[in-house]
N, C-alpha and C. Protein backbone atom coordinates (compact mmCIF):
# COMPACT_ATOMS: atom_id res chain seq x y z
N MET A 1 -11.68 7.11 -27.08
CA MET A 1 -11.95 5.68 -27.05
C MET A 1 -11.48 5.10 -25.73
N SER A 2 -12.35 4.38 -25.05
CA SER A 2 -11.98 3.83 -23.76
C SER A 2 -11.34 2.46 -23.93
N LEU A 3 -10.55 2.10 -22.94
CA LEU A 3 -9.86 0.81 -22.95
C LEU A 3 -10.81 -0.32 -22.57
N SER A 4 -10.52 -1.51 -23.05
CA SER A 4 -11.29 -2.69 -22.66
C SER A 4 -10.89 -3.10 -21.25
N ASP A 5 -11.70 -3.95 -20.64
CA ASP A 5 -11.37 -4.47 -19.31
C ASP A 5 -10.02 -5.18 -19.35
N GLU A 6 -9.78 -5.97 -20.39
CA GLU A 6 -8.51 -6.70 -20.51
C GLU A 6 -7.33 -5.73 -20.58
N ALA A 7 -7.50 -4.65 -21.31
CA ALA A 7 -6.43 -3.66 -21.43
C ALA A 7 -6.17 -2.95 -20.10
N ARG A 8 -7.23 -2.67 -19.33
CA ARG A 8 -7.04 -2.03 -18.02
C ARG A 8 -6.37 -3.00 -17.04
N VAL A 9 -6.71 -4.29 -17.11
CA VAL A 9 -6.02 -5.28 -16.26
C VAL A 9 -4.53 -5.29 -16.60
N LYS A 10 -4.19 -5.31 -17.89
CA LYS A 10 -2.78 -5.29 -18.30
C LYS A 10 -2.09 -4.00 -17.87
N GLN A 11 -2.81 -2.89 -17.95
CA GLN A 11 -2.26 -1.61 -17.51
C GLN A 11 -1.95 -1.66 -16.01
N LEU A 12 -2.88 -2.16 -15.21
CA LEU A 12 -2.68 -2.27 -13.77
C LEU A 12 -1.50 -3.19 -13.48
N GLN A 13 -1.42 -4.32 -14.17
CA GLN A 13 -0.28 -5.23 -13.99
C GLN A 13 1.03 -4.52 -14.30
N GLY A 14 1.06 -3.79 -15.40
CA GLY A 14 2.27 -3.08 -15.79
C GLY A 14 2.69 -2.02 -14.79
N LEU A 15 1.72 -1.38 -14.19
CA LEU A 15 2.02 -0.34 -13.21
C LEU A 15 2.54 -0.90 -11.88
N PHE A 16 1.99 -2.04 -11.43
CA PHE A 16 2.20 -2.44 -10.04
C PHE A 16 2.88 -3.80 -9.81
N GLU A 17 2.96 -4.65 -10.80
CA GLU A 17 3.57 -5.97 -10.62
C GLU A 17 5.01 -5.82 -10.14
N GLY A 18 5.31 -6.48 -9.01
CA GLY A 18 6.66 -6.48 -8.47
C GLY A 18 7.08 -5.19 -7.78
N ARG A 19 6.14 -4.28 -7.58
CA ARG A 19 6.47 -2.97 -7.01
C ARG A 19 6.27 -2.91 -5.51
N GLU A 20 7.01 -2.02 -4.90
CA GLU A 20 6.89 -1.73 -3.47
C GLU A 20 5.77 -0.72 -3.26
N ALA A 21 5.05 -0.88 -2.14
CA ALA A 21 3.93 0.02 -1.84
C ALA A 21 3.75 0.14 -0.33
N ILE A 22 2.93 1.10 0.04
CA ILE A 22 2.42 1.17 1.41
C ILE A 22 1.02 0.57 1.36
N TYR A 23 0.80 -0.46 2.15
CA TYR A 23 -0.48 -1.16 2.20
C TYR A 23 -1.26 -0.62 3.39
N ILE A 24 -2.52 -0.24 3.14
CA ILE A 24 -3.38 0.32 4.18
C ILE A 24 -4.64 -0.53 4.30
N GLU A 25 -4.94 -0.97 5.51
CA GLU A 25 -6.20 -1.66 5.81
C GLU A 25 -6.34 -1.75 7.33
N TYR A 26 -6.87 -0.75 7.93
CA TYR A 26 -6.99 -0.64 9.39
C TYR A 26 -5.64 -0.70 10.08
N GLY A 27 -4.62 -0.56 9.31
CA GLY A 27 -3.24 -0.56 9.74
C GLY A 27 -2.42 -0.26 8.51
N ALA A 28 -1.11 -0.24 8.67
CA ALA A 28 -0.25 0.04 7.53
C ALA A 28 1.05 -0.71 7.66
N LEU A 29 1.59 -1.06 6.52
CA LEU A 29 2.92 -1.65 6.46
C LEU A 29 3.49 -1.49 5.06
N ARG A 30 4.76 -1.75 4.94
CA ARG A 30 5.45 -1.71 3.64
C ARG A 30 5.33 -3.09 3.02
N ALA A 31 5.03 -3.13 1.71
CA ALA A 31 4.78 -4.42 1.08
C ALA A 31 5.23 -4.42 -0.37
N LYS A 32 5.29 -5.61 -0.93
CA LYS A 32 5.58 -5.81 -2.34
C LYS A 32 4.42 -6.60 -2.94
N VAL A 33 3.96 -6.18 -4.12
CA VAL A 33 2.81 -6.79 -4.78
C VAL A 33 3.30 -7.66 -5.94
N SER A 34 2.73 -8.86 -6.04
CA SER A 34 3.11 -9.76 -7.13
C SER A 34 1.93 -10.64 -7.53
N LYS A 35 2.12 -11.38 -8.59
CA LYS A 35 1.14 -12.35 -9.09
C LYS A 35 -0.23 -11.73 -9.32
N ILE A 36 -0.25 -10.55 -9.93
CA ILE A 36 -1.52 -9.88 -10.25
C ILE A 36 -2.18 -10.63 -11.40
N LYS A 37 -3.41 -11.06 -11.16
CA LYS A 37 -4.17 -11.79 -12.17
C LYS A 37 -5.60 -11.25 -12.21
N GLY A 38 -6.05 -10.89 -13.39
CA GLY A 38 -7.41 -10.39 -13.55
C GLY A 38 -8.24 -11.34 -14.39
N ASP A 39 -9.52 -11.36 -14.10
CA ASP A 39 -10.47 -12.16 -14.87
C ASP A 39 -11.65 -11.27 -15.22
N PRO A 40 -11.57 -10.59 -16.38
CA PRO A 40 -12.66 -9.69 -16.77
C PRO A 40 -14.02 -10.37 -16.85
N ALA A 41 -14.06 -11.62 -17.23
CA ALA A 41 -15.35 -12.32 -17.33
C ALA A 41 -16.00 -12.46 -15.96
N GLU A 42 -15.19 -12.62 -14.93
CA GLU A 42 -15.69 -12.76 -13.56
C GLU A 42 -15.68 -11.43 -12.80
N LEU A 43 -15.20 -10.37 -13.46
CA LEU A 43 -15.07 -9.05 -12.81
C LEU A 43 -14.26 -9.16 -11.52
N SER A 44 -13.12 -9.82 -11.60
CA SER A 44 -12.30 -9.98 -10.41
C SER A 44 -10.82 -9.83 -10.75
N ILE A 45 -10.08 -9.38 -9.76
CA ILE A 45 -8.63 -9.26 -9.88
C ILE A 45 -8.02 -9.62 -8.54
N ARG A 46 -6.90 -10.33 -8.59
CA ARG A 46 -6.24 -10.82 -7.38
C ARG A 46 -4.75 -10.53 -7.44
N ALA A 47 -4.13 -10.54 -6.26
CA ALA A 47 -2.69 -10.37 -6.19
C ALA A 47 -2.19 -10.94 -4.87
N GLU A 48 -0.90 -11.16 -4.82
CA GLU A 48 -0.25 -11.57 -3.59
C GLU A 48 0.47 -10.36 -3.02
N VAL A 49 0.40 -10.21 -1.71
CA VAL A 49 1.07 -9.11 -1.02
C VAL A 49 2.01 -9.73 0.01
N LYS A 50 3.25 -9.26 0.02
CA LYS A 50 4.23 -9.75 0.99
C LYS A 50 4.82 -8.55 1.72
N GLU A 51 4.78 -8.63 3.04
CA GLU A 51 5.35 -7.58 3.87
C GLU A 51 6.85 -7.46 3.64
N ILE A 52 7.32 -6.22 3.60
CA ILE A 52 8.75 -5.94 3.61
C ILE A 52 9.06 -5.43 5.02
N PRO A 53 9.70 -6.25 5.85
CA PRO A 53 9.98 -5.79 7.23
C PRO A 53 10.74 -4.47 7.21
N THR A 54 10.23 -3.53 8.01
CA THR A 54 10.75 -2.16 7.98
C THR A 54 10.67 -1.56 9.38
N ALA A 55 11.73 -0.88 9.78
CA ALA A 55 11.73 -0.18 11.06
C ALA A 55 10.56 0.79 11.11
N GLY A 56 9.83 0.78 12.23
CA GLY A 56 8.67 1.66 12.41
C GLY A 56 7.35 1.04 12.00
N PHE A 57 7.40 -0.02 11.24
CA PHE A 57 6.22 -0.76 10.80
C PHE A 57 6.20 -2.12 11.46
N PRO A 58 5.08 -2.79 11.54
CA PRO A 58 3.76 -2.37 11.10
C PRO A 58 3.10 -1.46 12.15
N VAL A 59 2.02 -0.81 11.72
CA VAL A 59 1.25 0.05 12.62
C VAL A 59 -0.23 -0.34 12.54
N GLY A 60 -0.99 0.10 13.53
CA GLY A 60 -2.42 -0.20 13.55
C GLY A 60 -2.68 -1.68 13.73
N SER A 61 -3.68 -2.21 13.06
CA SER A 61 -4.11 -3.60 13.27
C SER A 61 -3.01 -4.61 12.95
N PHE A 62 -2.09 -4.29 12.06
CA PHE A 62 -1.02 -5.25 11.73
C PHE A 62 -0.08 -5.50 12.90
N SER A 63 0.02 -4.55 13.80
CA SER A 63 0.89 -4.73 14.96
C SER A 63 0.29 -5.72 15.96
N GLU A 64 -1.00 -6.05 15.80
CA GLU A 64 -1.68 -6.97 16.73
C GLU A 64 -1.66 -8.42 16.25
N ILE A 65 -1.15 -8.67 15.05
CA ILE A 65 -1.13 -10.03 14.51
C ILE A 65 -0.02 -10.81 15.19
N PRO A 66 -0.37 -11.97 15.79
CA PRO A 66 0.68 -12.78 16.42
C PRO A 66 1.69 -13.24 15.36
N ARG A 67 2.97 -13.18 15.72
CA ARG A 67 4.04 -13.54 14.78
C ARG A 67 4.81 -14.74 15.31
N ARG A 68 5.17 -15.59 14.40
CA ARG A 68 6.11 -16.68 14.73
C ARG A 68 7.46 -16.28 14.17
N GLY A 69 8.33 -15.87 15.06
CA GLY A 69 9.63 -15.39 14.61
C GLY A 69 9.50 -14.06 13.88
N ARG A 70 10.38 -13.83 12.94
CA ARG A 70 10.39 -12.56 12.20
C ARG A 70 9.93 -12.75 10.76
N LYS A 71 9.21 -13.83 10.50
CA LYS A 71 8.76 -14.12 9.15
C LYS A 71 7.81 -13.04 8.65
N PRO A 72 8.06 -12.49 7.45
CA PRO A 72 7.15 -11.47 6.91
C PRO A 72 5.75 -12.04 6.66
N LEU A 73 4.75 -11.20 6.84
CA LEU A 73 3.39 -11.60 6.51
C LEU A 73 3.25 -11.74 5.01
N ARG A 74 2.37 -12.65 4.59
CA ARG A 74 2.07 -12.84 3.17
C ARG A 74 0.60 -13.19 3.09
N TRP A 75 -0.13 -12.55 2.16
CA TRP A 75 -1.54 -12.82 2.02
C TRP A 75 -1.98 -12.45 0.61
N ASN A 76 -3.20 -12.82 0.27
CA ASN A 76 -3.78 -12.51 -1.02
C ASN A 76 -4.85 -11.44 -0.86
N ILE A 77 -4.94 -10.58 -1.87
CA ILE A 77 -6.00 -9.58 -1.92
C ILE A 77 -6.82 -9.83 -3.17
N ALA A 78 -8.04 -9.32 -3.15
CA ALA A 78 -8.91 -9.45 -4.32
C ALA A 78 -9.82 -8.24 -4.39
N GLY A 79 -10.21 -7.93 -5.59
CA GLY A 79 -11.17 -6.86 -5.82
C GLY A 79 -12.16 -7.34 -6.87
N SER A 80 -13.33 -6.73 -6.85
CA SER A 80 -14.35 -7.12 -7.82
C SER A 80 -14.68 -5.91 -8.69
N TYR A 81 -15.92 -5.77 -9.08
CA TYR A 81 -16.30 -4.76 -10.06
C TYR A 81 -16.04 -3.33 -9.63
N LEU A 82 -15.84 -3.06 -8.34
CA LEU A 82 -15.58 -1.70 -7.88
C LEU A 82 -14.09 -1.39 -7.71
N THR A 83 -13.23 -2.38 -7.86
CA THR A 83 -11.80 -2.12 -7.68
C THR A 83 -11.34 -1.06 -8.68
N ALA A 84 -10.45 -0.18 -8.22
CA ALA A 84 -10.07 0.97 -9.02
C ALA A 84 -8.57 1.25 -8.87
N PHE A 85 -8.02 2.00 -9.83
CA PHE A 85 -6.61 2.32 -9.78
C PHE A 85 -6.33 3.65 -10.48
N SER A 86 -5.15 4.17 -10.19
CA SER A 86 -4.62 5.35 -10.87
C SER A 86 -3.14 5.04 -11.13
N GLU A 87 -2.40 6.02 -11.53
CA GLU A 87 -0.99 5.79 -11.82
C GLU A 87 -0.21 5.30 -10.60
N TYR A 88 -0.62 5.74 -9.40
CA TYR A 88 0.13 5.42 -8.19
C TYR A 88 -0.70 4.80 -7.07
N ARG A 89 -1.92 4.39 -7.35
CA ARG A 89 -2.77 3.86 -6.29
C ARG A 89 -3.66 2.75 -6.85
N TRP A 90 -3.88 1.73 -6.02
CA TRP A 90 -4.82 0.66 -6.35
C TRP A 90 -5.64 0.41 -5.10
N CYS A 91 -6.97 0.39 -5.23
CA CYS A 91 -7.82 0.22 -4.05
C CYS A 91 -8.94 -0.77 -4.33
N MET A 92 -9.43 -1.34 -3.28
CA MET A 92 -10.51 -2.30 -3.36
C MET A 92 -11.75 -1.68 -3.99
N GLY A 93 -12.00 -0.42 -3.70
CA GLY A 93 -13.10 0.30 -4.31
C GLY A 93 -14.30 0.52 -3.42
N TYR A 94 -14.37 -0.17 -2.30
CA TYR A 94 -15.50 0.00 -1.39
C TYR A 94 -15.03 -0.19 0.05
N GLY A 95 -14.03 0.60 0.40
CA GLY A 95 -13.43 0.45 1.72
C GLY A 95 -12.38 -0.63 1.64
N GLY A 96 -12.03 -1.20 2.75
CA GLY A 96 -11.04 -2.27 2.71
C GLY A 96 -9.64 -1.75 2.42
N TRP A 97 -8.91 -2.46 1.60
CA TRP A 97 -7.50 -2.16 1.38
C TRP A 97 -7.24 -1.12 0.29
N SER A 98 -6.10 -0.46 0.44
CA SER A 98 -5.55 0.45 -0.57
C SER A 98 -4.05 0.27 -0.60
N LEU A 99 -3.47 0.41 -1.77
CA LEU A 99 -2.03 0.35 -1.96
C LEU A 99 -1.57 1.65 -2.58
N PHE A 100 -0.48 2.22 -2.05
CA PHE A 100 0.07 3.48 -2.54
C PHE A 100 1.48 3.22 -3.04
N PHE A 101 1.71 3.49 -4.33
CA PHE A 101 2.95 3.13 -4.99
C PHE A 101 3.85 4.32 -5.32
N ALA A 102 3.36 5.54 -5.23
CA ALA A 102 4.17 6.70 -5.61
C ALA A 102 5.47 6.72 -4.80
N PRO A 103 6.62 6.73 -5.46
CA PRO A 103 7.89 6.69 -4.72
C PRO A 103 8.01 7.79 -3.66
N LYS A 104 7.53 9.01 -3.97
CA LYS A 104 7.67 10.08 -2.96
C LYS A 104 6.74 9.83 -1.76
N ILE A 105 5.60 9.16 -1.97
CA ILE A 105 4.72 8.83 -0.85
C ILE A 105 5.33 7.70 -0.04
N VAL A 106 5.82 6.66 -0.71
CA VAL A 106 6.45 5.53 -0.01
C VAL A 106 7.64 6.04 0.81
N ASP A 107 8.53 6.80 0.18
CA ASP A 107 9.70 7.32 0.89
C ASP A 107 9.31 8.23 2.03
N GLY A 108 8.31 9.08 1.83
CA GLY A 108 7.87 9.99 2.88
C GLY A 108 7.30 9.26 4.08
N ILE A 109 6.50 8.22 3.82
CA ILE A 109 5.93 7.45 4.93
C ILE A 109 7.02 6.66 5.65
N LEU A 110 7.97 6.11 4.90
CA LEU A 110 9.07 5.39 5.55
C LEU A 110 9.86 6.32 6.45
N SER A 111 10.10 7.54 6.00
CA SER A 111 10.79 8.52 6.82
C SER A 111 9.96 8.86 8.06
N LEU A 112 8.66 9.03 7.88
CA LEU A 112 7.76 9.35 8.99
C LEU A 112 7.80 8.26 10.06
N VAL A 113 7.61 7.01 9.67
CA VAL A 113 7.50 5.94 10.67
C VAL A 113 8.83 5.70 11.39
N ARG A 114 9.93 6.00 10.73
CA ARG A 114 11.24 5.84 11.39
C ARG A 114 11.46 6.89 12.46
N GLN A 115 10.70 7.98 12.41
CA GLN A 115 10.85 9.08 13.38
C GLN A 115 9.88 8.97 14.55
N PHE A 116 8.98 8.01 14.53
CA PHE A 116 8.01 7.90 15.62
C PHE A 116 8.73 7.66 16.95
N PRO A 117 8.32 8.36 17.99
CA PRO A 117 8.90 8.08 19.31
C PRO A 117 8.46 6.70 19.79
N ASP A 118 9.29 6.06 20.57
CA ASP A 118 9.00 4.71 21.06
C ASP A 118 7.69 4.64 21.84
N ASN A 119 7.32 5.71 22.51
CA ASN A 119 6.12 5.68 23.35
C ASN A 119 4.83 6.00 22.59
N LEU A 120 4.89 6.21 21.27
CA LEU A 120 3.69 6.48 20.48
C LEU A 120 3.00 5.15 20.17
N ASP A 121 1.74 5.02 20.61
CA ASP A 121 1.07 3.72 20.44
C ASP A 121 0.76 3.44 18.97
N SER A 122 0.54 2.18 18.67
CA SER A 122 0.38 1.72 17.30
C SER A 122 -0.81 2.35 16.58
N HIS A 123 -1.91 2.56 17.30
CA HIS A 123 -3.07 3.19 16.68
C HIS A 123 -2.75 4.63 16.27
N GLN A 124 -2.08 5.37 17.15
CA GLN A 124 -1.73 6.75 16.81
C GLN A 124 -0.74 6.80 15.66
N ARG A 125 0.14 5.81 15.57
CA ARG A 125 1.06 5.73 14.43
C ARG A 125 0.27 5.59 13.13
N TYR A 126 -0.76 4.74 13.17
CA TYR A 126 -1.61 4.54 12.00
C TYR A 126 -2.34 5.84 11.62
N VAL A 127 -2.84 6.55 12.62
CA VAL A 127 -3.49 7.84 12.37
C VAL A 127 -2.52 8.80 11.69
N GLU A 128 -1.29 8.83 12.15
CA GLU A 128 -0.28 9.71 11.56
C GLU A 128 0.00 9.34 10.10
N VAL A 129 0.06 8.05 9.81
CA VAL A 129 0.27 7.59 8.42
C VAL A 129 -0.90 8.04 7.55
N CYS A 130 -2.13 7.87 8.04
CA CYS A 130 -3.32 8.29 7.28
C CYS A 130 -3.33 9.79 7.06
N CYS A 131 -2.95 10.55 8.06
CA CYS A 131 -2.88 12.01 7.91
C CYS A 131 -1.83 12.38 6.85
N TYR A 132 -0.72 11.69 6.86
CA TYR A 132 0.33 11.95 5.87
C TYR A 132 -0.22 11.75 4.46
N LEU A 133 -0.96 10.66 4.26
CA LEU A 133 -1.55 10.39 2.94
C LEU A 133 -2.48 11.51 2.50
N GLN A 134 -3.29 12.02 3.44
CA GLN A 134 -4.21 13.11 3.12
C GLN A 134 -3.45 14.39 2.78
N VAL A 135 -2.56 14.78 3.65
CA VAL A 135 -1.83 16.03 3.49
C VAL A 135 -1.01 16.04 2.19
N HIS A 136 -0.47 14.89 1.82
CA HIS A 136 0.38 14.81 0.63
C HIS A 136 -0.39 14.36 -0.62
N LYS A 137 -1.70 14.47 -0.55
CA LYS A 137 -2.59 14.24 -1.70
C LYS A 137 -2.35 12.90 -2.40
N ALA A 138 -2.23 11.84 -1.61
CA ALA A 138 -1.99 10.50 -2.15
C ALA A 138 -3.25 9.90 -2.76
N TYR A 139 -4.40 10.45 -2.40
CA TYR A 139 -5.68 9.91 -2.89
C TYR A 139 -6.06 10.56 -4.22
N GLN A 140 -5.30 10.25 -5.27
CA GLN A 140 -5.60 10.82 -6.58
C GLN A 140 -6.81 10.12 -7.19
N PRO A 141 -7.49 10.76 -8.14
CA PRO A 141 -8.66 10.15 -8.77
C PRO A 141 -8.30 8.80 -9.41
N THR A 142 -9.25 7.89 -9.38
CA THR A 142 -9.03 6.55 -9.91
C THR A 142 -10.03 6.24 -11.02
N GLN A 143 -9.74 5.18 -11.74
CA GLN A 143 -10.67 4.64 -12.71
C GLN A 143 -10.94 3.18 -12.33
N ARG A 144 -12.10 2.70 -12.63
CA ARG A 144 -12.40 1.30 -12.34
C ARG A 144 -11.65 0.39 -13.31
N VAL A 145 -11.25 -0.75 -12.80
CA VAL A 145 -10.60 -1.74 -13.64
C VAL A 145 -11.62 -2.30 -14.63
N PHE A 146 -12.81 -2.58 -14.12
CA PHE A 146 -13.87 -3.17 -14.93
C PHE A 146 -14.95 -2.13 -15.19
N ALA A 147 -14.99 -1.61 -16.40
CA ALA A 147 -15.94 -0.56 -16.75
C ALA A 147 -17.27 -1.18 -17.13
N ARG A 148 -18.24 -0.96 -16.30
CA ARG A 148 -19.59 -1.43 -16.57
C ARG A 148 -20.52 -0.27 -16.38
N ASP A 149 -21.61 -0.27 -17.11
CA ASP A 149 -22.60 0.79 -16.90
C ASP A 149 -23.13 0.70 -15.49
N SER A 150 -23.13 1.83 -14.80
CA SER A 150 -23.59 1.84 -13.41
C SER A 150 -25.08 2.06 -13.34
C-alpha cells in the first residue's frame, strides 16, 4: 500500500525539519532547513534555508554573492510535482537544488572543504564537493513527494 501525498509530506517534514544539510545548486554550502510546508492540492512544497557559516564554504556560485558583513544567507526553496526525497536527500527533481542530510556525508564534506588549499579556486572547490558526493554514493534512489500517474 502506497502512502498518500499528505503522508509523504509529513514524512519529508519529519526527516528534514530543523536539520543540517549540504545545499547544492551551482555551488555548495552548509545550511539548516526549516519551515517545511507542503500543499498536496497544489503539488508544491516549500522550505526556508539558512546558511550555517563554515570554514571552507561557500564554494562555487555562492562565493560570488555580494555580502553585507558576515550575515548568513537565507532564502526559500520550492518544489513541485517532480520534487523527490529519500532518507537522506531532498531534491527539486528536475535539476536545480539538492540537499544532502546524511551525517557521514555532511561530516565528510565539512572535513573536505576545511582541507582545501588557499589557492584552490571556488569553482574547483565545488567540483571537488560534487566528486565527493558521487564517490560516496550520496545520490541514493528517491521517491516523489507527490505521486501522480506519469
